[in-house]
Amino acid sequence: MAMQPNTEFLTPEECAQVDGALMTSQDKFATRVAVYALRSLKQVAAQHETTIAHLKPAQIEDWVYQDESLQSGIDREFRRFFSRLVLSSLKPLQQAAQVANVPIEALTIQQVVAWFEREARVRLGESQTEPS
């Protein structure tokens, strides 16, 4: 099944799933970037007929630079910064895939959100147990 290019950063359904998670604004931002990254990485991998694990950073950066949802009013420096965010999303996506016992390509939005939510709870629990 070929994915159609989407001119929105996240779909309303994806936004609703992230917004419904019990996380801080910072964690929700990271989750949104990861959801966008997952969708984009699937498209880049399909375009290059490879898996996400075999993508090269330059292939990912090229995709971000050409993404229509990031074109209007956004300068080159922001696209460079954002491509780094997408690249850095690979690590949590790999961890979420490992927890779900699936390849990154098979991750669902629900699994990504659940992983970030679980990580946020772990961090919150750790910060509450530290001595004051």
C-alpha atoms as a PDB file:
ATOM      1  CA  MET A   1       0.000   0.000   0.000  1.00  0.00           C
ATOM      2  CA  ALA A   2       1.589   3.288  -1.065  1.00  0.00           C
ATOM      3  CA  MET A   3       1.243   6.167   1.335  1.00  0.00           C
ATOM      4  CA  GLN A   4      -0.095   9.363  -0.104  1.00  0.00           C
ATOM      5  CA  PRO A   5       1.833  12.539   0.655  1.00  0.00           C
ATOM      6  CA  ASN A   6       0.146  14.509   3.399  1.00  0.00           C
ATOM      7  CA  THR A   7       0.348  18.287   3.430  1.00  0.00           C
ATOM      8  CA  GLU A   8      -0.452  18.446   7.147  1.00  0.00           C
ATOM      9  CA  PHE A   9       2.146  17.956   9.857  1.00  0.00           C
ATOM     10  CA  LEU A  10      -0.193  15.611  11.780  1.00  0.00           C
ATOM     11  CA  THR A  11      -3.685  14.471  10.952  1.00  0.00           C
ATOM     12  CA  PRO A  12      -6.530  15.483  13.300  1.00  0.00           C
ATOM     13  CA  GLU A  13      -6.711  11.840  14.446  1.00  0.00           C
ATOM     14  CA  GLU A  14      -2.993  11.771  15.256  1.00  0.00           C
ATOM     15  CA  CYS A  15      -3.289  15.063  17.148  1.00  0.00           C
ATOM     16  CA  ALA A  16      -6.230  13.710  19.159  1.00  0.00           C
ATOM     17  CA  GLN A  17      -4.267  10.596  20.133  1.00  0.00           C
ATOM     18  CA  VAL A  18      -1.294  12.654  21.301  1.00  0.00           C
ATOM     19  CA  ASP A  19      -3.485  15.230  23.064  1.00  0.00           C
ATOM     20  CA  GLY A  20      -5.302  12.449  24.940  1.00  0.00           C
ATOM     21  CA  ALA A  21      -2.068  11.115  26.428  1.00  0.00           C
ATOM     22  CA  LEU A  22      -1.163  11.964  30.003  1.00  0.00           C
ATOM     23  CA  MET A  23       2.092  13.811  29.356  1.00  0.00           C
ATOM     24  CA  THR A  24       3.685  17.208  29.718  1.00  0.00           C
ATOM     25  CA  SER A  25       3.667  19.638  26.799  1.00  0.00           C
ATOM     26  CA  GLN A  26       7.345  18.845  26.186  1.00  0.00           C
ATOM     27  CA  ASP A  27       6.618  15.104  26.010  1.00  0.00           C
ATOM     28  CA  LYS A  28       3.653  15.730  23.695  1.00  0.00           C
ATOM     29  CA  PHE A  29       5.906  17.765  21.395  1.00  0.00           C
ATOM     30  CA  ALA A  30       8.446  14.930  21.250  1.00  0.00           C
ATOM     31  CA  THR A  31       5.616  12.490  20.562  1.00  0.00           C
ATOM     32  CA  ARG A  32       4.253  14.670  17.741  1.00  0.00           C
ATOM     33  CA  VAL A  33       7.706  14.830  16.149  1.00  0.00           C
ATOM     34  CA  ALA A  34       8.054  11.039  16.453  1.00  0.00           C
ATOM     35  CA  VAL A  35       4.629  10.450  14.863  1.00  0.00           C
ATOM     36  CA  TYR A  36       5.547  12.781  11.995  1.00  0.00           C
ATOM     37  CA  ALA A  37       8.944  11.075  11.743  1.00  0.00           C
ATOM     38  CA  LEU A  38       7.381   7.614  11.617  1.00  0.00           C
ATOM     39  CA  ARG A  39       5.053   8.604   8.781  1.00  0.00           C
ATOM     40  CA  SER A  40       7.875  10.335   6.917  1.00  0.00           C
ATOM     41  CA  LEU A  41      10.384   7.546   7.456  1.00  0.00           C
ATOM     42  CA  LYS A  42       7.903   5.011   6.069  1.00  0.00           C
ATOM     43  CA  GLN A  43       7.537   7.148   2.947  1.00  0.00           C
ATOM     44  CA  VAL A  44      11.287   7.686   2.560  1.00  0.00           C
ATOM     45  CA  ALA A  45      11.957   3.952   2.976  1.00  0.00           C
ATOM     46  CA  ALA A  46       9.292   3.109   0.388  1.00  0.00           C
ATOM     47  CA  GLN A  47      10.702   5.681  -2.034  1.00  0.00           C
ATOM     48  CA  HIS A  48      14.177   4.171  -1.690  1.00  0.00           C
ATOM     49  CA  GLU A  49      12.857   0.589  -1.593  1.00  0.00           C
ATOM     50  CA  THR A  50      14.554  -0.164   1.719  1.00  0.00           C
ATOM     51  CA  THR A  51      13.751  -0.417   5.414  1.00  0.00           C
ATOM     52  CA  ILE A  52      13.841   2.451   7.856  1.00  0.00           C
ATOM     53  CA  ALA A  53      16.854   0.860   9.558  1.00  0.00           C
ATOM     54  CA  HIS A  54      18.823   1.108   6.284  1.00  0.00           C
ATOM     55  CA  LEU A  55      18.031   4.754   5.510  1.00  0.00           C
ATOM     56  CA  LYS A  56      20.936   7.164   5.421  1.00  0.00           C
ATOM     57  CA  PRO A  57      20.698  10.525   7.214  1.00  0.00           C
ATOM     58  CA  ALA A  58      21.063  12.394   3.887  1.00  0.00           C
ATOM     59  CA  GLN A  59      18.009  10.578   2.488  1.00  0.00           C
ATOM     60  CA  ILE A  60      15.979  11.617   5.533  1.00  0.00           C
ATOM     61  CA  GLU A  61      17.211  15.219   5.378  1.00  0.00           C
ATOM     62  CA  ASP A  62      16.322  15.455   1.684  1.00  0.00           C
ATOM     63  CA  TRP A  63      12.807  14.252   2.473  1.00  0.00           C
ATOM     64  CA  VAL A  64      12.307  16.825   5.249  1.00  0.00           C
ATOM     65  CA  TYR A  65      13.605  19.601   2.981  1.00  0.00           C
ATOM     66  CA  GLN A  66      11.033  18.654   0.341  1.00  0.00           C
ATOM     67  CA  ASP A  67       8.053  17.990   2.664  1.00  0.00           C
ATOM     68  CA  GLU A  68       5.207  20.251   1.554  1.00  0.00           C
ATOM     69  CA  SER A  69       3.837  20.557   5.108  1.00  0.00           C
ATOM     70  CA  LEU A  70       7.066  22.319   6.119  1.00  0.00           C
ATOM     71  CA  GLN A  71       7.404  24.712   3.181  1.00  0.00           C
ATOM     72  CA  SER A  72       5.196  27.730   3.789  1.00  0.00           C
ATOM     73  CA  GLY A  73       6.987  30.482   5.660  1.00  0.00           C
ATOM     74  CA  ILE A  74       9.744  28.229   6.957  1.00  0.00           C
ATOM     75  CA  ASP A  75      13.371  29.026   6.307  1.00  0.00           C
ATOM     76  CA  ARG A  76      16.251  26.713   5.519  1.00  0.00           C
ATOM     77  CA  GLU A  77      17.667  26.875   9.063  1.00  0.00           C
ATOM     78  CA  PHE A  78      14.393  25.632  10.507  1.00  0.00           C
ATOM     79  CA  ARG A  79      14.273  22.756   8.008  1.00  0.00           C
ATOM     80  CA  ARG A  80      17.840  21.825   8.977  1.00  0.00           C
ATOM     81  CA  PHE A  81      16.887  21.947  12.670  1.00  0.00           C
ATOM     82  CA  PHE A  82      13.723  19.956  12.007  1.00  0.00           C
ATOM     83  CA  SER A  83      15.551  17.320   9.982  1.00  0.00           C
ATOM     84  CA  ARG A  84      17.782  16.801  13.027  1.00  0.00           C
ATOM     85  CA  LEU A  85      14.667  16.363  15.168  1.00  0.00           C
ATOM     86  CA  VAL A  86      13.374  13.719  12.768  1.00  0.00           C
ATOM     87  CA  LEU A  87      16.739  11.942  12.807  1.00  0.00           C
ATOM     88  CA  SER A  88      16.783  12.030  16.610  1.00  0.00           C
ATOM     89  CA  SER A  89      13.296  10.467  16.628  1.00  0.00           C
ATOM     90  CA  LEU A  90      14.824   7.282  15.266  1.00  0.00           C
ATOM     91  CA  LYS A  91      16.113   6.274  18.702  1.00  0.00           C
ATOM     92  CA  PRO A  92      12.758   6.411  20.553  1.00  0.00           C
ATOM     93  CA  LEU A  93      11.032   4.825  17.545  1.00  0.00           C
ATOM     94  CA  GLN A  94      13.559   1.969  17.643  1.00  0.00           C
ATOM     95  CA  GLN A  95      12.938   1.588  21.379  1.00  0.00           C
ATOM     96  CA  ALA A  96       9.151   1.646  20.901  1.00  0.00           C
ATOM     97  CA  ALA A  97       9.456  -0.978  18.163  1.00  0.00           C
ATOM     98  CA  GLN A  98      11.597  -3.127  20.442  1.00  0.00           C
ATOM     99  CA  VAL A  99       9.032  -2.889  23.279  1.00  0.00           C
ATOM    100  CA  ALA A 100       6.213  -3.713  20.833  1.00  0.00           C
ATOM    101  CA  ASN A 101       8.359  -6.492  19.318  1.00  0.00           C
ATOM    102  CA  VAL A 102       7.761  -5.242  15.761  1.00  0.00           C
ATOM    103  CA  PRO A 103       9.894  -3.558  13.085  1.00  0.00           C
ATOM    104  CA  ILE A 104       9.685   0.248  13.084  1.00  0.00           C
ATOM    105  CA  GLU A 105       7.620   0.108   9.886  1.00  0.00           C
ATOM    106  CA  ALA A 106       4.910  -1.858  11.724  1.00  0.00           C
ATOM    107  CA  LEU A 107       4.578   0.558  14.650  1.00  0.00           C
ATOM    108  CA  THR A 108       1.153   2.101  15.074  1.00  0.00           C
ATOM    109  CA  ILE A 109       0.489   5.622  16.288  1.00  0.00           C
ATOM    110  CA  GLN A 110      -1.069   4.098  19.421  1.00  0.00           C
ATOM    111  CA  GLN A 111       2.146   2.168  20.136  1.00  0.00           C
ATOM    112  CA  VAL A 112       4.281   5.284  19.693  1.00  0.00           C
ATOM    113  CA  VAL A 113       2.035   7.358  21.969  1.00  0.00           C
ATOM    114  CA  ALA A 114       1.911   4.542  24.555  1.00  0.00           C
ATOM    115  CA  TRP A 115       5.718   4.274  24.563  1.00  0.00           C
ATOM    116  CA  PHE A 116       6.182   8.026  25.116  1.00  0.00           C
ATOM    117  CA  GLU A 117       3.492   8.019  27.803  1.00  0.00           C
ATOM    118  CA  ARG A 118       5.177   5.092  29.587  1.00  0.00           C
ATOM    119  CA  GLU A 119       8.572   6.834  29.392  1.00  0.00           C
ATOM    120  CA  ALA A 120       7.046  10.042  30.797  1.00  0.00           C
ATOM    121  CA  ARG A 121       5.566   8.093  33.737  1.00  0.00           C
ATOM    122  CA  VAL A 122       8.936   6.454  34.407  1.00  0.00           C
ATOM    123  CA  ARG A 123      10.686   9.853  34.410  1.00  0.00           C
ATOM    124  CA  LEU A 124       7.990  11.352  36.624  1.00  0.00           C
ATOM    125  CA  GLY A 125       8.268   8.439  39.053  1.00  0.00           C
ATOM    126  CA  GLU A 126      12.040   8.809  39.186  1.00  0.00           C
ATOM    127  CA  SER A 127      11.862  12.537  39.829  1.00  0.00           C
ATOM    128  CA  GLN A 128       9.360  12.007  42.659  1.00  0.00           C
ATOM    129  CA  THR A 129      11.586   9.447  44.399  1.00  0.00           C
ATOM    130  CA  GLU A 130      14.707  11.636  44.386  1.00  0.00           C
ATOM    131  CA  PRO A 131      15.553  13.202  47.751  1.00  0.00           C
ATOM    132  CA  SER A 132      14.704  16.890  48.041  1.00  0.00           C
END
